[in-house]
Protein backbone atom coordinates (compact mmCIF):
# COMPACT_ATOMS: atom_id res chain seq x y z
CA UNK A 1 -29.15 -1.74 -3.06
CA UNK A 2 -25.89 -0.85 -1.37
CA UNK A 3 -23.00 -0.06 -3.67
CA UNK A 4 -20.29 -2.73 -3.72
CA UNK A 5 -17.03 -1.51 -2.17
CA UNK A 6 -13.85 -1.94 -4.21
CA UNK A 7 -10.57 -1.54 -2.31
CA UNK A 8 -7.46 -0.33 -4.11
CA UNK A 9 -4.35 -1.06 -2.06
CA UNK A 10 -0.98 0.42 -2.95
CA UNK A 11 2.57 -0.04 -1.93
CA UNK A 12 4.17 3.43 -1.86
CA UNK A 13 7.90 3.58 -2.57
CA UNK A 14 8.65 2.98 -6.25
CA UNK A 15 4.98 2.19 -6.81
CA UNK A 16 3.59 5.72 -6.55
CA UNK A 17 6.90 7.54 -6.03
CA UNK A 18 9.92 7.30 -8.31
CA UNK A 19 12.26 6.08 -5.51
CA UNK A 20 12.32 5.33 -1.78
CA UNK A 21 10.88 8.22 0.23
CA UNK A 22 14.01 8.64 2.39
CA UNK A 23 16.11 9.29 -0.71
CA UNK A 24 14.56 12.64 -1.65
CA UNK A 25 15.76 14.79 1.26
CA UNK A 26 16.33 12.77 4.44
CA UNK A 27 19.40 10.81 3.33
CA UNK A 28 20.99 13.72 1.39
CA UNK A 29 20.72 15.89 4.53
CA UNK A 30 22.86 13.31 6.32
CA UNK A 31 25.56 13.73 3.70
CA UNK A 32 25.15 10.08 2.70
CA UNK A 33 24.35 8.42 -0.57
CA UNK A 34 21.24 6.26 -0.77
CA UNK A 35 23.42 3.24 -1.46
CA UNK A 36 25.53 3.88 1.66
CA UNK A 37 22.49 4.36 3.90
CA UNK A 38 20.71 1.17 2.81
CA UNK A 39 23.95 -0.81 2.96
CA UNK A 40 24.49 0.39 6.53
CA UNK A 41 20.91 -0.59 7.45
CA UNK A 42 21.38 -4.05 5.93
CA UNK A 43 24.69 -4.47 7.78
CA UNK A 44 23.00 -3.53 11.07
CA UNK A 45 20.19 -5.99 10.41
CA UNK A 46 22.63 -8.78 9.62
CA UNK A 47 24.96 -8.11 12.56
CA UNK A 48 22.14 -7.90 15.12
CA UNK A 49 19.74 -10.45 13.61
CA UNK A 50 17.20 -7.66 13.21
CA UNK A 51 14.22 -7.29 10.95
CA UNK A 52 15.40 -5.10 8.07
CA UNK A 53 12.54 -2.65 8.53
CA UNK A 54 13.35 -2.13 12.22
CA UNK A 55 17.00 -1.71 11.26
CA UNK A 56 16.31 1.14 8.86
CA UNK A 57 13.99 2.82 11.38
CA UNK A 58 16.68 2.64 14.07
CA UNK A 59 19.31 3.91 11.66
CA UNK A 60 17.17 6.91 10.74
CA UNK A 61 17.04 7.91 14.42
CA UNK A 62 20.72 7.14 15.08
CA UNK A 63 21.97 9.09 12.07
CA UNK A 64 19.66 12.02 12.79
CA UNK A 65 21.02 12.30 16.32
CA UNK A 66 24.59 11.92 15.11
CA UNK A 67 24.09 14.76 12.64
CA UNK A 68 22.11 16.81 15.18
CA UNK A 69 18.98 16.80 13.03
CA UNK A 70 15.58 17.14 14.69
CA UNK A 71 13.49 13.97 14.81
CA UNK A 72 10.09 15.33 15.78
CA UNK A 73 6.97 14.09 14.09
CA UNK A 74 6.54 17.39 12.26
CA UNK A 75 10.05 17.00 10.82
CA UNK A 76 9.20 13.67 9.26
CA UNK A 77 5.84 14.95 8.00
CA UNK A 78 7.57 17.89 6.33
CA UNK A 79 9.74 15.50 4.32
CA UNK A 80 6.62 14.42 2.46
CA UNK A 81 6.57 17.68 0.55
CA UNK A 82 9.68 16.71 -1.39
CA UNK A 83 8.36 13.44 -2.84
CA UNK A 84 8.13 13.01 -6.60
CA UNK A 85 5.42 10.84 -8.12
CA UNK A 86 5.02 8.91 -11.32
CA UNK A 87 3.02 10.64 -14.09
CA UNK A 88 -0.67 10.98 -13.31
CA UNK A 89 -0.54 9.98 -9.63
CA UNK A 90 -1.83 13.32 -8.35
CA UNK A 91 -5.06 13.06 -10.37
CA UNK A 92 -5.33 9.25 -10.30
CA UNK A 93 -7.56 8.95 -7.23
CA UNK A 94 -10.18 11.41 -8.48
CA UNK A 95 -10.24 9.73 -11.89
CA UNK A 96 -10.66 6.21 -10.45
CA UNK A 97 -13.31 7.42 -7.99
CA UNK A 98 -15.22 9.06 -10.84
CA UNK A 99 -14.95 5.92 -12.95
CA UNK A 100 -16.13 3.72 -10.08
CA UNK A 101 -19.04 6.00 -9.28
CA UNK A 102 -20.22 5.86 -12.89
CA UNK A 103 -20.36 2.06 -12.51
CA UNK A 104 -22.23 2.13 -9.20
CA UNK A 105 -19.13 1.17 -7.21
CA UNK A 106 -17.76 2.69 -4.00
CA UNK A 107 -13.99 3.05 -4.39
CA UNK A 108 -11.69 3.15 -1.35
CA UNK A 109 -7.93 3.64 -1.43
CA UNK A 110 -5.41 2.27 1.08
CA UNK A 111 -1.65 2.40 1.51
CA UNK A 112 0.18 -0.72 2.74
CA UNK A 113 3.84 0.27 2.92
CA UNK A 114 7.11 -0.44 4.69
CA UNK A 115 7.89 3.26 4.44
CA UNK A 116 7.07 5.89 7.06
CA UNK A 117 3.47 6.91 7.62
CA UNK A 118 4.55 10.37 8.76
CA UNK A 119 6.24 11.11 5.42
CA UNK A 120 3.29 9.73 3.43
CA UNK A 121 0.87 11.90 5.42
CA UNK A 122 2.90 14.98 4.55
CA UNK A 123 2.93 14.24 0.83
CA UNK A 124 0.70 15.76 -1.83
CA UNK A 125 -1.52 12.65 -1.76
CA UNK A 126 -1.51 12.01 1.99
CA UNK A 127 -5.21 12.82 2.35
CA UNK A 128 -6.42 10.53 -0.43
CA UNK A 129 -6.52 7.30 1.56
CA UNK A 130 -9.08 5.73 3.88
CA UNK A 131 -6.16 4.32 5.88
CA UNK A 132 -2.38 4.53 5.65
CA UNK A 133 -0.80 1.35 6.97
CA UNK A 134 2.92 2.01 7.25
CA UNK A 135 5.76 2.14 9.77
CA UNK A 136 5.40 4.68 12.57
CA UNK A 137 7.46 6.01 15.47
CA UNK A 138 6.38 6.49 19.06
CA UNK A 139 6.91 10.10 20.20
CA UNK A 140 7.66 11.21 23.74
CA UNK A 141 6.07 14.11 25.61
CA UNK A 142 8.28 16.52 23.67
CA UNK A 143 7.19 15.13 20.34
CA UNK A 144 10.55 13.46 19.71
CA UNK A 145 10.71 10.05 18.03
CA UNK A 146 12.04 7.45 20.47
CA UNK A 147 10.88 3.99 19.38
CA UNK A 148 9.16 2.18 16.48
CA UNK A 149 5.43 2.07 17.23
CA UNK A 150 4.55 0.03 14.17
CA UNK A 151 6.82 -1.89 11.83
CA UNK A 152 5.36 -3.16 8.57
CA UNK A 153 7.61 -5.72 6.95
CA UNK A 154 6.86 -7.67 3.82
CA UNK A 155 4.88 -10.54 5.32
CA UNK A 156 3.25 -8.34 8.00
CA UNK A 157 1.63 -6.42 5.15
CA UNK A 158 -0.82 -9.26 4.66
CA UNK A 159 -2.59 -8.65 7.99
CA UNK A 160 -3.87 -5.37 6.59
CA UNK A 161 -5.55 -7.17 3.71
CA UNK A 162 -7.60 -9.07 6.29
CA UNK A 163 -8.34 -5.86 8.19
CA UNK A 164 -9.73 -4.31 5.03
CA UNK A 165 -11.53 -7.56 4.19
CA UNK A 166 -13.29 -7.67 7.57
CA UNK A 167 -13.62 -3.93 8.12
CA UNK A 168 -11.46 -4.04 11.28
CA UNK A 169 -9.29 -1.08 10.34
CA UNK A 170 -7.76 0.00 13.68
CA UNK A 171 -4.40 -1.71 14.25
CA UNK A 172 -5.00 -2.23 17.98
CA UNK A 173 -8.14 -4.29 17.32
CA UNK A 174 -6.91 -7.89 17.41
CA UNK A 175 -9.86 -9.82 18.81
CA UNK A 176 -12.30 -8.58 16.17
CA UNK A 177 -9.76 -9.29 13.46
CA UNK A 178 -9.29 -12.88 14.55
CA UNK A 179 -12.96 -13.56 15.28
CA UNK A 180 -14.92 -15.61 12.77
CA UNK A 181 -16.78 -13.55 10.18
CA UNK A 182 -18.96 -15.24 7.58
CA UNK A 183 -17.80 -14.58 4.02
CA UNK A 184 -21.02 -12.81 3.09
CA UNK A 185 -20.70 -10.42 6.04
CA UNK A 186 -17.22 -9.15 5.25
CA UNK A 187 -16.80 -5.48 4.32
CA UNK A 188 -14.65 -5.99 1.23
CA UNK A 189 -14.54 -9.49 -0.29
CA UNK A 190 -11.14 -10.41 -1.71
CA UNK A 191 -12.74 -10.56 -5.15
CA UNK A 192 -13.27 -6.77 -4.78
CA UNK A 193 -9.60 -6.01 -4.08
CA UNK A 194 -6.95 -4.57 -6.39
CA UNK A 195 -3.34 -4.57 -5.15
CA UNK A 196 -0.77 -2.42 -6.93
CA UNK A 197 2.94 -2.83 -6.10
CA UNK A 198 6.34 -2.74 -7.71
CA UNK A 199 8.37 -5.72 -6.65
CA UNK A 200 9.38 -8.71 -4.60
CA UNK A 201 8.51 -7.08 -1.27
CA UNK A 202 4.88 -7.00 -2.41
CA UNK A 203 4.74 -10.69 -3.32
CA UNK A 204 2.90 -11.93 -0.17
CA UNK A 205 0.09 -9.41 -0.70
CA UNK A 206 0.00 -9.85 -4.46
CA UNK A 207 -0.21 -13.62 -4.19
CA UNK A 208 -2.85 -13.56 -1.45
CA UNK A 209 -5.11 -11.17 -3.35
CA UNK A 210 -4.69 -13.11 -6.60
CA UNK A 211 -5.36 -16.51 -5.00
CA UNK A 212 -8.57 -15.23 -3.42
CA UNK A 213 -10.11 -13.81 -6.58
CA UNK A 214 -8.85 -10.22 -6.51
CA UNK A 215 -6.45 -8.63 -8.98
CA UNK A 216 -2.74 -7.92 -8.44
CA UNK A 217 -0.87 -5.53 -10.69
CA UNK A 218 2.90 -4.98 -10.81
CA UNK A 219 4.02 -1.56 -12.00
CA UNK A 220 7.50 -0.58 -13.14
CA UNK A 221 9.48 2.49 -14.08
CA UNK A 222 10.06 2.76 -17.82
CA UNK A 223 12.86 0.45 -18.88
CA UNK A 224 12.82 -1.55 -15.63
CA UNK A 225 10.43 -4.36 -16.52
CA UNK A 226 12.55 -7.31 -15.35
CA UNK A 227 10.95 -7.86 -11.93
CA UNK A 228 7.44 -7.60 -13.38
CA UNK A 229 8.31 -10.19 -16.01
CA UNK A 230 9.67 -12.45 -13.26
CA UNK A 231 6.50 -12.10 -11.16
CA UNK A 232 4.35 -12.90 -14.17
CA UNK A 233 6.38 -15.99 -15.04
CA UNK A 234 6.06 -17.19 -11.45
CA UNK A 235 2.27 -16.67 -11.52
CA UNK A 236 2.35 -14.24 -8.60
CA UNK A 237 0.45 -11.42 -10.31
CA UNK A 238 -2.45 -11.03 -12.73
CA UNK A 239 -1.06 -8.14 -14.74
CA UNK A 240 1.89 -5.77 -15.13
CA UNK A 241 2.22 -2.36 -16.73
CA UNK A 242 4.36 0.78 -16.72
CA UNK A 243 3.84 3.10 -13.75
CA UNK A 244 1.91 5.65 -15.79
CA UNK A 245 -1.16 6.75 -13.84
CA UNK A 246 -2.54 9.14 -16.47
CA UNK A 247 -5.94 8.44 -17.99
CA UNK A 248 -4.15 7.81 -21.30
CA UNK A 249 -1.92 5.11 -19.79
CA UNK A 250 -2.34 1.35 -19.97
CA UNK A 251 -2.86 1.12 -16.19
CA UNK A 252 -6.03 3.21 -16.27
CA UNK A 253 -7.39 1.19 -19.19
CA UNK A 254 -6.59 -2.02 -17.30
CA UNK A 255 -8.31 -0.78 -14.14
CA UNK A 256 -11.38 0.19 -16.16
CA UNK A 257 -11.60 -3.37 -17.48
CA UNK A 258 -11.10 -4.82 -13.99
CA UNK A 259 -13.85 -2.63 -12.55
CA UNK A 260 -16.18 -3.66 -15.36
CA UNK A 261 -15.59 -7.30 -14.45
CA UNK A 262 -16.03 -6.64 -10.73
CA UNK A 263 -19.24 -4.74 -11.40
CA UNK A 264 -20.64 -7.74 -13.28
CA UNK A 265 -19.47 -10.27 -10.67
CA UNK A 266 -21.05 -8.29 -7.85
CA UNK A 267 -24.33 -7.97 -9.78
CA UNK A 268 -24.39 -11.73 -10.37
CA UNK A 269 -23.66 -12.38 -6.69
CA UNK A 270 -26.66 -10.24 -5.74
CA UNK A 271 -28.87 -12.08 -8.23
CA UNK A 272 -27.80 -15.39 -6.73
CA UNK A 273 -28.47 -14.20 -3.18
CA UNK A 274 -31.95 -13.10 -4.21
CA UNK A 275 -32.70 -16.47 -5.76
CA UNK A 276 -31.45 -18.28 -2.67
CA UNK A 277 -33.78 -16.21 -0.52
CA UNK A 278 -36.70 -17.11 -2.77
CA UNK A 279 -35.76 -20.76 -2.53
CA UNK A 280 -35.59 -20.52 1.26
CA UNK A 281 -31.85 -21.21 1.43
């Protein structure tokens, strides 16, 4: 019998990292504070009626040119080396994979982020994901960033849940994504999904996963529980816990319990399918 696939989907900034990825080295190199940069991006978005994600991507290019900083793909990738992660993140993926394997489950990890794919790829965990769905630039023949190739805002994140659900992982594949696929033929049923995020920008994904039988978890930096409490009160998540990814942390214990439940649910689904076949259904 084929192993059931369980998809773990993560936001990135302030979910796995301690702050927004641009704040480690990119913004300081501009001589700006993080507050000033994001305020300028929000002002641009408001003045031009722009999507906030496109506004920050444009501002990154504009400010880099203004400060004569290189904006090649390799430059953005190199920024990934400066990222700092919450405790346990670096070993988290191996530990969850090992746990899943012991339960007869195939674990896959995905990023669904409004941050930059290039920076994520260059980070210490960039090679741990089956797919990284995040904002990207288009690069010209000289390798210089010129235009946003992919913008992932907060509601656009949900399309990637359906891509994972149906197994249509390439972003240019639209027809296959929108084609009808019977529930039993989908690669990763929603009941086999776990979404981990940190805040209001993750709400569309959290709610969608939760409503369709998966599990949504809000994580928070120590002492910053308010948003998680709000999401729980509004019934948008299943669980919340501190962003401690060590095997001694509550998150790992919670995930172990979730996987135990998913293991049982998948076994029961297989039993039911077998009985339906016997009954000629």
